[in-house]
Amino acid sequence: QEAERAKFIVEKAQQDKRSIIIKAEGDAQSAKLISDAIKS
C-alpha cells in the first residue's frame, strides 16, 4: 500500500509538472500573440 501511495504521488507530481509546463507554454504563446497583435 505504501508503494502504491508513493507511485501515485510520483505520478501526480509528474502530471502537475506537465500541467505547469503546458500552462507556461500557453501563457508564452498568448503573450507572443498579443505582442504580435499590438505590433501589427
PDB file of all heavy atoms in Angstrom:
ATOM      1  N   GLN A   1       0.827  -1.200   0.000  1.00  0.00           N
ATOM      2  CA  GLN A   1       0.000   0.000   0.000  1.00  0.00           C
ATOM      3  C   GLN A   1       0.863   1.253   0.000  1.00  0.00           C
ATOM      4  O   GLN A   1       0.566   2.231  -0.694  1.00  0.00           O
ATOM      5  CB  GLN A   1      -0.951  -0.002   1.202  1.00  0.00           C
ATOM      6  CG  GLN A   1      -2.047  -1.031   1.099  1.00  0.00           C
ATOM      7  CD  GLN A   1      -2.858  -1.161   2.377  1.00  0.00           C
ATOM      8  OE1 GLN A   1      -2.530  -0.565   3.390  1.00  0.00           O
ATOM      9  NE2 GLN A   1      -3.908  -1.956   2.320  1.00  0.00           N
ATOM     10  N   GLU A   2       1.934   1.246   0.773  1.00  0.00           N
ATOM     11  CA  GLU A   2       2.853   2.390   0.802  1.00  0.00           C
ATOM     12  C   GLU A   2       3.515   2.578  -0.564  1.00  0.00           C
ATOM     13  O   GLU A   2       3.682   3.706  -1.022  1.00  0.00           O
ATOM     14  CB  GLU A   2       3.925   2.195   1.890  1.00  0.00           C
ATOM     15  CG  GLU A   2       3.399   2.295   3.299  1.00  0.00           C
ATOM     16  CD  GLU A   2       2.887   3.687   3.638  1.00  0.00           C
ATOM     17  OE1 GLU A   2       3.455   4.687   3.153  1.00  0.00           O
ATOM     18  OE2 GLU A   2       1.891   3.773   4.378  1.00  0.00           O
ATOM     19  N   ALA A   3       3.878   1.474  -1.201  1.00  0.00           N
ATOM     20  CA  ALA A   3       4.485   1.564  -2.532  1.00  0.00           C
ATOM     21  C   ALA A   3       3.489   2.133  -3.535  1.00  0.00           C
ATOM     22  O   ALA A   3       3.861   2.967  -4.373  1.00  0.00           O
ATOM     23  CB  ALA A   3       4.968   0.186  -2.987  1.00  0.00           C
ATOM     24  N   GLU A   4       2.237   1.704  -3.462  1.00  0.00           N
ATOM     25  CA  GLU A   4       1.208   2.235  -4.354  1.00  0.00           C
ATOM     26  C   GLU A   4       0.991   3.727  -4.103  1.00  0.00           C
ATOM     27  O   GLU A   4       0.834   4.500  -5.043  1.00  0.00           O
ATOM     28  CB  GLU A   4      -0.115   1.482  -4.164  1.00  0.00           C
ATOM     29  CG  GLU A   4      -0.114   0.085  -4.728  1.00  0.00           C
ATOM     30  CD  GLU A   4       0.040   0.048  -6.229  1.00  0.00           C
ATOM     31  OE1 GLU A   4      -0.555   0.892  -6.922  1.00  0.00           O
ATOM     32  OE2 GLU A   4       0.780  -0.823  -6.711  1.00  0.00           O
ATOM     33  N   ARG A   5       0.987   4.124  -2.824  1.00  0.00           N
ATOM     34  CA  ARG A   5       0.821   5.536  -2.489  1.00  0.00           C
ATOM     35  C   ARG A   5       1.986   6.364  -3.033  1.00  0.00           C
ATOM     36  O   ARG A   5       1.788   7.434  -3.608  1.00  0.00           O
ATOM     37  CB  ARG A   5       0.714   5.721  -0.979  1.00  0.00           C
ATOM     38  CG  ARG A   5       0.435   7.173  -0.595  1.00  0.00           C
ATOM     39  CD  ARG A   5       0.377   7.412   0.893  1.00  0.00           C
ATOM     40  NE  ARG A   5      -0.599   6.558   1.524  1.00  0.00           N
ATOM     41  CZ  ARG A   5      -0.501   6.089   2.754  1.00  0.00           C
ATOM     42  NH1 ARG A   5       0.535   6.405   3.496  1.00  0.00           N
ATOM     43  NH2 ARG A   5      -1.435   5.321   3.264  1.00  0.00           N
ATOM     44  N   ALA A   6       3.206   5.859  -2.873  1.00  0.00           N
ATOM     45  CA  ALA A   6       4.383   6.571  -3.380  1.00  0.00           C
ATOM     46  C   ALA A   6       4.319   6.667  -4.900  1.00  0.00           C
ATOM     47  O   ALA A   6       4.641   7.718  -5.473  1.00  0.00           O
ATOM     48  CB  ALA A   6       5.660   5.854  -2.948  1.00  0.00           C
ATOM     49  N   LYS A   7       3.888   5.600  -5.554  1.00  0.00           N
ATOM     50  CA  LYS A   7       3.751   5.607  -7.013  1.00  0.00           C
ATOM     51  C   LYS A   7       2.722   6.656  -7.438  1.00  0.00           C
ATOM     52  O   LYS A   7       2.938   7.402  -8.393  1.00  0.00           O
ATOM     53  CB  LYS A   7       3.330   4.215  -7.483  1.00  0.00           C
ATOM     54  CG  LYS A   7       3.211   4.059  -8.965  1.00  0.00           C
ATOM     55  CD  LYS A   7       2.813   2.630  -9.302  1.00  0.00           C
ATOM     56  CE  LYS A   7       2.522   2.479 -10.772  1.00  0.00           C
ATOM     57  NZ  LYS A   7       2.048   1.136 -11.098  1.00  0.00           N
ATOM     58  N   PHE A   8       1.607   6.724  -6.707  1.00  0.00           N
ATOM     59  CA  PHE A   8       0.571   7.706  -7.005  1.00  0.00           C
ATOM     60  C   PHE A   8       1.104   9.125  -6.839  1.00  0.00           C
ATOM     61  O   PHE A   8       0.849  10.006  -7.673  1.00  0.00           O
ATOM     62  CB  PHE A   8      -0.645   7.489  -6.098  1.00  0.00           C
ATOM     63  CG  PHE A   8      -1.683   8.559  -6.209  1.00  0.00           C
ATOM     64  CD1 PHE A   8      -2.537   8.613  -7.295  1.00  0.00           C
ATOM     65  CD2 PHE A   8      -1.795   9.539  -5.222  1.00  0.00           C
ATOM     66  CE1 PHE A   8      -3.483   9.607  -7.403  1.00  0.00           C
ATOM     67  CE2 PHE A   8      -2.745  10.538  -5.325  1.00  0.00           C
ATOM     68  CZ  PHE A   8      -3.593  10.566  -6.420  1.00  0.00           C
ATOM     69  N   ILE A   9       1.861   9.365  -5.763  1.00  0.00           N
ATOM     70  CA  ILE A   9       2.416  10.698  -5.512  1.00  0.00           C
ATOM     71  C   ILE A   9       3.381  11.093  -6.633  1.00  0.00           C
ATOM     72  O   ILE A   9       3.364  12.236  -7.101  1.00  0.00           O
ATOM     73  CB  ILE A   9       3.106  10.749  -4.126  1.00  0.00           C
ATOM     74  CG1 ILE A   9       2.044  10.680  -3.018  1.00  0.00           C
ATOM     75  CG2 ILE A   9       3.963  11.995  -3.971  1.00  0.00           C
ATOM     76  CD1 ILE A   9       2.601  10.487  -1.626  1.00  0.00           C
ATOM     77  N   VAL A  10       4.204  10.151  -7.083  1.00  0.00           N
ATOM     78  CA  VAL A  10       5.148  10.437  -8.168  1.00  0.00           C
ATOM     79  C   VAL A  10       4.387  10.759  -9.457  1.00  0.00           C
ATOM     80  O   VAL A  10       4.705  11.721 -10.154  1.00  0.00           O
ATOM     81  CB  VAL A  10       6.110   9.246  -8.377  1.00  0.00           C
ATOM     82  CG1 VAL A  10       6.891   9.379  -9.674  1.00  0.00           C
ATOM     83  CG2 VAL A  10       7.069   9.135  -7.203  1.00  0.00           C
ATOM     84  N   GLU A  11       3.360   9.951  -9.759  1.00  0.00           N
ATOM     85  CA  GLU A  11       2.565  10.199 -10.967  1.00  0.00           C
ATOM     86  C   GLU A  11       1.863  11.556 -10.892  1.00  0.00           C
ATOM     87  O   GLU A  11       1.816  12.290 -11.879  1.00  0.00           O
ATOM     88  CB  GLU A  11       1.542   9.090 -11.168  1.00  0.00           C
ATOM     89  CG  GLU A  11       2.141   7.784 -11.626  1.00  0.00           C
ATOM     90  CD  GLU A  11       1.125   6.672 -11.736  1.00  0.00           C
ATOM     91  OE1 GLU A  11      -0.091   6.930 -11.585  1.00  0.00           O
ATOM     92  OE2 GLU A  11       1.540   5.532 -11.974  1.00  0.00           O
ATOM     93  N   LYS A  12       1.342  11.896  -9.716  1.00  0.00           N
ATOM     94  CA  LYS A  12       0.669  13.183  -9.543  1.00  0.00           C
ATOM     95  C   LYS A  12       1.667  14.328  -9.735  1.00  0.00           C
ATOM     96  O   LYS A  12       1.357  15.328 -10.392  1.00  0.00           O
ATOM     97  CB  LYS A  12       0.026  13.266  -8.165  1.00  0.00           C
ATOM     98  CG  LYS A  12      -0.787  14.534  -7.949  1.00  0.00           C
ATOM     99  CD  LYS A  12      -1.424  14.524  -6.581  1.00  0.00           C
ATOM    100  CE  LYS A  12      -2.278  15.734  -6.326  1.00  0.00           C
ATOM    101  NZ  LYS A  12      -1.636  17.002  -6.439  1.00  0.00           N
ATOM    102  N   ALA A  13       2.858  14.177  -9.180  1.00  0.00           N
ATOM    103  CA  ALA A  13       3.882  15.218  -9.331  1.00  0.00           C
ATOM    104  C   ALA A  13       4.272  15.377 -10.805  1.00  0.00           C
ATOM    105  O   ALA A  13       4.446  16.505 -11.280  1.00  0.00           O
ATOM    106  CB  ALA A  13       5.114  14.867  -8.498  1.00  0.00           C
ATOM    107  N   GLN A  14       4.363  14.264 -11.516  1.00  0.00           N
ATOM    108  CA  GLN A  14       4.700  14.346 -12.941  1.00  0.00           C
ATOM    109  C   GLN A  14       3.578  15.031 -13.721  1.00  0.00           C
ATOM    110  O   GLN A  14       3.839  15.841 -14.616  1.00  0.00           O
ATOM    111  CB  GLN A  14       4.963  12.951 -13.510  1.00  0.00           C
ATOM    112  CG  GLN A  14       6.261  12.344 -13.032  1.00  0.00           C
ATOM    113  CD  GLN A  14       6.437  10.905 -13.467  1.00  0.00           C
ATOM    114  OE1 GLN A  14       5.484  10.240 -13.855  1.00  0.00           O
ATOM    115  NE2 GLN A  14       7.660  10.409 -13.386  1.00  0.00           N
ATOM    116  N   GLN A  15       2.335  14.715 -13.391  1.00  0.00           N
ATOM    117  CA  GLN A  15       1.201  15.354 -14.064  1.00  0.00           C
ATOM    118  C   GLN A  15       1.153  16.844 -13.733  1.00  0.00           C
ATOM    119  O   GLN A  15       0.880  17.668 -14.612  1.00  0.00           O
ATOM    120  CB  GLN A  15      -0.105  14.671 -13.681  1.00  0.00           C
ATOM    121  CG  GLN A  15      -0.257  13.299 -14.282  1.00  0.00           C
ATOM    122  CD  GLN A  15      -1.503  12.585 -13.794  1.00  0.00           C
ATOM    123  OE1 GLN A  15      -2.237  13.089 -12.949  1.00  0.00           O
ATOM    124  NE2 GLN A  15      -1.741  11.404 -14.322  1.00  0.00           N
ATOM    125  N   ASP A  16       1.415  17.196 -12.471  1.00  0.00           N
ATOM    126  CA  ASP A  16       1.461  18.612 -12.087  1.00  0.00           C
ATOM    127  C   ASP A  16       2.559  19.345 -12.861  1.00  0.00           C
ATOM    128  O   ASP A  16       2.357  20.471 -13.319  1.00  0.00           O
ATOM    129  CB  ASP A  16       1.689  18.761 -10.581  1.00  0.00           C
ATOM    130  CG  ASP A  16       0.474  18.345  -9.765  1.00  0.00           C
ATOM    131  OD1 ASP A  16      -0.618  18.184 -10.347  1.00  0.00           O
ATOM    132  OD2 ASP A  16       0.636  18.172  -8.533  1.00  0.00           O
ATOM    133  N   LYS A  17       3.701  18.685 -12.992  1.00  0.00           N
ATOM    134  CA  LYS A  17       4.821  19.284 -13.724  1.00  0.00           C
ATOM    135  C   LYS A  17       4.427  19.517 -15.179  1.00  0.00           C
ATOM    136  O   LYS A  17       4.663  20.607 -15.718  1.00  0.00           O
ATOM    137  CB  LYS A  17       6.033  18.346 -13.650  1.00  0.00           C
ATOM    138  CG  LYS A  17       7.232  18.809 -14.431  1.00  0.00           C
ATOM    139  CD  LYS A  17       8.341  17.783 -14.359  1.00  0.00           C
ATOM    140  CE  LYS A  17       9.472  18.109 -15.310  1.00  0.00           C
ATOM    141  NZ  LYS A  17      10.491  17.063 -15.320  1.00  0.00           N
ATOM    142  N   ARG A  18       3.804  18.490 -15.805  1.00  0.00           N
ATOM    143  CA  ARG A  18       3.364  18.645 -17.198  1.00  0.00           C
ATOM    144  C   ARG A  18       2.334  19.766 -17.324  1.00  0.00           C
ATOM    145  O   ARG A  18       2.355  20.535 -18.272  1.00  0.00           O
ATOM    146  CB  ARG A  18       2.767  17.329 -17.713  1.00  0.00           C
ATOM    147  CG  ARG A  18       3.844  16.380 -18.188  1.00  0.00           C
ATOM    148  CD  ARG A  18       3.240  15.138 -18.788  1.00  0.00           C
ATOM    149  NE  ARG A  18       3.608  14.081 -17.853  1.00  0.00           N
ATOM    150  CZ  ARG A  18       2.845  13.074 -17.503  1.00  0.00           C
ATOM    151  NH1 ARG A  18       1.659  12.937 -18.016  1.00  0.00           N
ATOM    152  NH2 ARG A  18       3.264  12.183 -16.641  1.00  0.00           N
ATOM    153  N   SER A  19       1.431  19.853 -16.349  1.00  0.00           N
ATOM    154  CA  SER A  19       0.400  20.893 -16.362  1.00  0.00           C
ATOM    155  C   SER A  19       1.028  22.278 -16.281  1.00  0.00           C
ATOM    156  O   SER A  19       0.627  23.194 -17.012  1.00  0.00           O
ATOM    157  CB  SER A  19      -0.560  20.666 -15.194  1.00  0.00           C
ATOM    158  OG  SER A  19      -1.442  21.730 -15.052  1.00  0.00           O
ATOM    159  N   ILE A  20       2.002  22.438 -15.416  1.00  0.00           N
ATOM    160  CA  ILE A  20       2.683  23.731 -15.265  1.00  0.00           C
ATOM    161  C   ILE A  20       3.417  24.096 -16.554  1.00  0.00           C
ATOM    162  O   ILE A  20       3.371  25.251 -16.999  1.00  0.00           O
ATOM    163  CB  ILE A  20       3.651  23.697 -14.057  1.00  0.00           C
ATOM    164  CG1 ILE A  20       2.846  23.637 -12.747  1.00  0.00           C
ATOM    165  CG2 ILE A  20       4.584  24.883 -14.066  1.00  0.00           C
ATOM    166  CD1 ILE A  20       3.669  23.333 -11.517  1.00  0.00           C
ATOM    167  N   ILE A  21       4.071  23.108 -17.156  1.00  0.00           N
ATOM    168  CA  ILE A  21       4.805  23.361 -18.403  1.00  0.00           C
ATOM    169  C   ILE A  21       3.839  23.769 -19.511  1.00  0.00           C
ATOM    170  O   ILE A  21       4.078  24.738 -20.239  1.00  0.00           O
ATOM    171  CB  ILE A  21       5.630  22.122 -18.812  1.00  0.00           C
ATOM    172  CG1 ILE A  21       6.806  21.924 -17.833  1.00  0.00           C
ATOM    173  CG2 ILE A  21       6.146  22.241 -20.240  1.00  0.00           C
ATOM    174  CD1 ILE A  21       7.555  20.624 -18.009  1.00  0.00           C
ATOM    175  N   ILE A  22       2.728  23.049 -19.634  1.00  0.00           N
ATOM    176  CA  ILE A  22       1.743  23.363 -20.671  1.00  0.00           C
ATOM    177  C   ILE A  22       1.147  24.743 -20.447  1.00  0.00           C
ATOM    178  O   ILE A  22       0.980  25.530 -21.383  1.00  0.00           O
ATOM    179  CB  ILE A  22       0.647  22.278 -20.719  1.00  0.00           C
ATOM    180  CG1 ILE A  22       1.243  20.977 -21.261  1.00  0.00           C
ATOM    181  CG2 ILE A  22      -0.531  22.711 -21.556  1.00  0.00           C
ATOM    182  CD1 ILE A  22       0.347  19.771 -21.115  1.00  0.00           C
ATOM    183  N   LYS A  23       0.837  25.064 -19.192  1.00  0.00           N
ATOM    184  CA  LYS A  23       0.286  26.391 -18.880  1.00  0.00           C
ATOM    185  C   LYS A  23       1.300  27.485 -19.214  1.00  0.00           C
ATOM    186  O   LYS A  23       0.945  28.514 -19.797  1.00  0.00           O
ATOM    187  CB  LYS A  23      -0.113  26.471 -17.409  1.00  0.00           C
ATOM    188  CG  LYS A  23      -0.800  27.787 -17.047  1.00  0.00           C
ATOM    189  CD  LYS A  23      -1.167  27.802 -15.589  1.00  0.00           C
ATOM    190  CE  LYS A  23      -1.894  29.049 -15.184  1.00  0.00           C
ATOM    191  NZ  LYS A  23      -1.270  30.290 -15.522  1.00  0.00           N
ATOM    192  N   ALA A  24       2.568  27.263 -18.851  1.00  0.00           N
ATOM    193  CA  ALA A  24       3.602  28.262 -19.144  1.00  0.00           C
ATOM    194  C   ALA A  24       3.767  28.438 -20.653  1.00  0.00           C
ATOM    195  O   ALA A  24       3.919  29.570 -21.144  1.00  0.00           O
ATOM    196  CB  ALA A  24       4.927  27.851 -18.509  1.00  0.00           C
ATOM    197  N   GLU A  25       3.723  27.321 -21.384  1.00  0.00           N
ATOM    198  CA  GLU A  25       3.834  27.426 -22.840  1.00  0.00           C
ATOM    199  C   GLU A  25       2.634  28.185 -23.414  1.00  0.00           C
ATOM    200  O   GLU A  25       2.783  28.996 -24.324  1.00  0.00           O
ATOM    201  CB  GLU A  25       3.930  26.034 -23.464  1.00  0.00           C
ATOM    202  CG  GLU A  25       5.261  25.346 -23.213  1.00  0.00           C
ATOM    203  CD  GLU A  25       5.270  23.887 -23.667  1.00  0.00           C
ATOM    204  OE1 GLU A  25       4.192  23.350 -24.027  1.00  0.00           O
ATOM    205  OE2 GLU A  25       6.352  23.290 -23.659  1.00  0.00           O
ATOM    206  N   GLY A  26       1.451  27.906 -22.866  1.00  0.00           N
ATOM    207  CA  GLY A  26       0.250  28.623 -23.308  1.00  0.00           C
ATOM    208  C   GLY A  26       0.327  30.100 -23.002  1.00  0.00           C
ATOM    209  O   GLY A  26      -0.040  30.942 -23.848  1.00  0.00           O
ATOM    210  N   ASP A  27       0.806  30.443 -21.802  1.00  0.00           N
ATOM    211  CA  ASP A  27       0.959  31.859 -21.437  1.00  0.00           C
ATOM    212  C   ASP A  27       1.974  32.549 -22.344  1.00  0.00           C
ATOM    213  O   ASP A  27       1.761  33.691 -22.774  1.00  0.00           O
ATOM    214  CB  ASP A  27       1.384  31.995 -19.969  1.00  0.00           C
ATOM    215  CG  ASP A  27       0.279  31.621 -18.999  1.00  0.00           C
ATOM    216  OD1 ASP A  27      -0.890  31.512 -19.437  1.00  0.00           O
ATOM    217  OD2 ASP A  27       0.585  31.427 -17.794  1.00  0.00           O
ATOM    218  N   ALA A  28       3.065  31.850 -22.641  1.00  0.00           N
ATOM    219  CA  ALA A  28       4.093  32.432 -23.520  1.00  0.00           C
ATOM    220  C   ALA A  28       3.532  32.641 -24.921  1.00  0.00           C
ATOM    221  O   ALA A  28       3.765  33.687 -25.549  1.00  0.00           O
ATOM    222  CB  ALA A  28       5.327  31.526 -23.576  1.00  0.00           C
ATOM    223  N   GLN A  29       2.790  31.651 -25.405  1.00  0.00           N
ATOM    224  CA  GLN A  29       2.175  31.773 -26.728  1.00  0.00           C
ATOM    225  C   GLN A  29       1.170  32.919 -26.754  1.00  0.00           C
ATOM    226  O   GLN A  29       1.115  33.695 -27.701  1.00  0.00           O
ATOM    227  CB  GLN A  29       1.494  30.449 -27.108  1.00  0.00           C
ATOM    228  CG  GLN A  29       0.934  30.412 -28.501  1.00  0.00           C
ATOM    229  CD  GLN A  29       2.027  30.429 -29.568  1.00  0.00           C
ATOM    230  OE1 GLN A  29       3.160  30.091 -29.315  1.00  0.00           O
ATOM    231  NE2 GLN A  29       1.660  30.865 -30.757  1.00  0.00           N
ATOM    232  N   SER A  30       0.370  33.026 -25.683  1.00  0.00           N
ATOM    233  CA  SER A  30      -0.612  34.108 -25.590  1.00  0.00           C
ATOM    234  C   SER A  30       0.082  35.466 -25.574  1.00  0.00           C
ATOM    235  O   SER A  30      -0.341  36.398 -26.271  1.00  0.00           O
ATOM    236  CB  SER A  30      -1.449  33.925 -24.320  1.00  0.00           C
ATOM    237  OG  SER A  30      -2.294  35.014 -24.115  1.00  0.00           O
ATOM    238  N   ALA A  31       1.144  35.582 -24.794  1.00  0.00           N
ATOM    239  CA  ALA A  31       1.884  36.845 -24.725  1.00  0.00           C
ATOM    240  C   ALA A  31       2.485  37.184 -26.085  1.00  0.00           C
ATOM    241  O   ALA A  31       2.471  38.352 -26.512  1.00  0.00           O
ATOM    242  CB  ALA A  31       2.982  36.765 -23.676  1.00  0.00           C
ATOM    243  N   LYS A  32       3.001  36.168 -26.791  1.00  0.00           N
ATOM    244  CA  LYS A  32       3.571  36.405 -28.117  1.00  0.00           C
ATOM    245  C   LYS A  32       2.485  36.862 -29.088  1.00  0.00           C
ATOM    246  O   LYS A  32       2.696  37.800 -29.872  1.00  0.00           O
ATOM    247  CB  LYS A  32       4.234  35.136 -28.634  1.00  0.00           C
ATOM    248  CG  LYS A  32       4.932  35.324 -29.961  1.00  0.00           C
ATOM    249  CD  LYS A  32       5.611  34.039 -30.401  1.00  0.00           C
ATOM    250  CE  LYS A  32       6.357  34.190 -31.693  1.00  0.00           C
ATOM    251  NZ  LYS A  32       5.702  34.861 -32.765  1.00  0.00           N
ATOM    252  N   LEU A  33       1.315  36.226 -29.046  1.00  0.00           N
ATOM    253  CA  LEU A  33       0.219  36.612 -29.932  1.00  0.00           C
ATOM    254  C   LEU A  33      -0.257  38.040 -29.640  1.00  0.00           C
ATOM    255  O   LEU A  33      -0.515  38.825 -30.567  1.00  0.00           O
ATOM    256  CB  LEU A  33      -0.943  35.627 -29.809  1.00  0.00           C
ATOM    257  CG  LEU A  33      -0.704  34.224 -30.376  1.00  0.00           C
ATOM    258  CD1 LEU A  33      -1.877  33.317 -30.033  1.00  0.00           C
ATOM    259  CD2 LEU A  33      -0.472  34.280 -31.871  1.00  0.00           C
ATOM    260  N   ILE A  34      -0.355  38.386 -28.365  1.00  0.00           N
ATOM    261  CA  ILE A  34      -0.758  39.752 -28.001  1.00  0.00           C
ATOM    262  C   ILE A  34       0.292  40.750 -28.466  1.00  0.00           C
ATOM    263  O   ILE A  34      -0.035  41.806 -29.020  1.00  0.00           O
ATOM    264  CB  ILE A  34      -1.010  39.859 -26.482  1.00  0.00           C
ATOM    265  CG1 ILE A  34      -2.270  39.060 -26.109  1.00  0.00           C
ATOM    266  CG2 ILE A  34      -1.141  41.302 -26.046  1.00  0.00           C
ATOM    267  CD1 ILE A  34      -2.490  38.922 -24.622  1.00  0.00           C
ATOM    268  N   SER A  35       1.555  40.407 -28.276  1.00  0.00           N
ATOM    269  CA  SER A  35       2.642  41.294 -28.704  1.00  0.00           C
ATOM    270  C   SER A  35       2.612  41.488 -30.221  1.00  0.00           C
ATOM    271  O   SER A  35       2.754  42.616 -30.712  1.00  0.00           O
ATOM    272  CB  SER A  35       3.978  40.702 -28.274  1.00  0.00           C
ATOM    273  OG  SER A  35       5.041  41.446 -28.798  1.00  0.00           O
ATOM    274  N   ASP A  36       2.422  40.384 -30.943  1.00  0.00           N
ATOM    275  CA  ASP A  36       2.342  40.478 -32.402  1.00  0.00           C
ATOM    276  C   ASP A  36       1.130  41.312 -32.836  1.00  0.00           C
ATOM    277  O   ASP A  36       1.214  42.101 -33.788  1.00  0.00           O
ATOM    278  CB  ASP A  36       2.272  39.086 -33.036  1.00  0.00           C
ATOM    279  CG  ASP A  36       3.565  38.306 -32.886  1.00  0.00           C
ATOM    280  OD1 ASP A  36       4.594  38.924 -32.535  1.00  0.00           O
ATOM    281  OD2 ASP A  36       3.538  37.065 -33.095  1.00  0.00           O
ATOM    282  N   ALA A  37       0.007  41.117 -32.134  1.00  0.00           N
ATOM    283  CA  ALA A  37      -1.209  41.876 -32.469  1.00  0.00           C
ATOM    284  C   ALA A  37      -1.009  43.360 -32.222  1.00  0.00           C
ATOM    285  O   ALA A  37      -1.465  44.202 -33.007  1.00  0.00           O
ATOM    286  CB  ALA A  37      -2.395  41.358 -31.666  1.00  0.00           C
ATOM    287  N   ILE A  38      -0.328  43.712 -31.139  1.00  0.00           N
ATOM    288  CA  ILE A  38      -0.072  45.128 -30.831  1.00  0.00           C
ATOM    289  C   ILE A  38       0.861  45.728 -31.872  1.00  0.00           C
ATOM    290  O   ILE A  38       0.657  46.850 -32.330  1.00  0.00           O
ATOM    291  CB  ILE A  38       0.497  45.288 -29.407  1.00  0.00           C
ATOM    292  CG1 ILE A  38      -0.584  44.938 -28.377  1.00  0.00           C
ATOM    293  CG2 ILE A  38       1.035  46.687 -29.173  1.00  0.00           C
ATOM    294  CD1 ILE A  38      -0.074  44.869 -26.952  1.00  0.00           C
ATOM    295  N   LYS A  39       1.897  44.966 -32.276  1.00  0.00           N
ATOM    296  CA  LYS A  39       2.844  45.475 -33.281  1.00  0.00           C
ATOM    297  C   LYS A  39       2.172  45.663 -34.633  1.00  0.00           C
ATOM    298  O   LYS A  39       2.410  46.660 -35.311  1.00  0.00           O
ATOM    299  CB  LYS A  39       4.018  44.502 -33.428  1.00  0.00           C
ATOM    300  CG  LYS A  39       4.990  44.528 -32.287  1.00  0.00           C
ATOM    301  CD  LYS A  39       6.096  43.515 -32.516  1.00  0.00           C
ATOM    302  CE  LYS A  39       6.992  43.409 -31.301  1.00  0.00           C
ATOM    303  NZ  LYS A  39       7.973  42.322 -31.439  1.00  0.00           N
ATOM    304  N   SER A  40       1.341  44.688 -35.012  1.00  0.00           N
ATOM    305  CA  SER A  40       0.749  44.771 -36.338  1.00  0.00           C
ATOM    306  C   SER A  40      -0.465  45.693 -36.386  1.00  0.00           C
ATOM    307  O   SER A  40      -0.795  46.238 -37.437  1.00  0.00           O
ATOM    308  CB  SER A  40       0.358  43.380 -36.833  1.00  0.00           C
ATOM    309  OG  SER A  40      -0.667  42.854 -36.009  1.00  0.00           O
TER     310      SER A  40
END
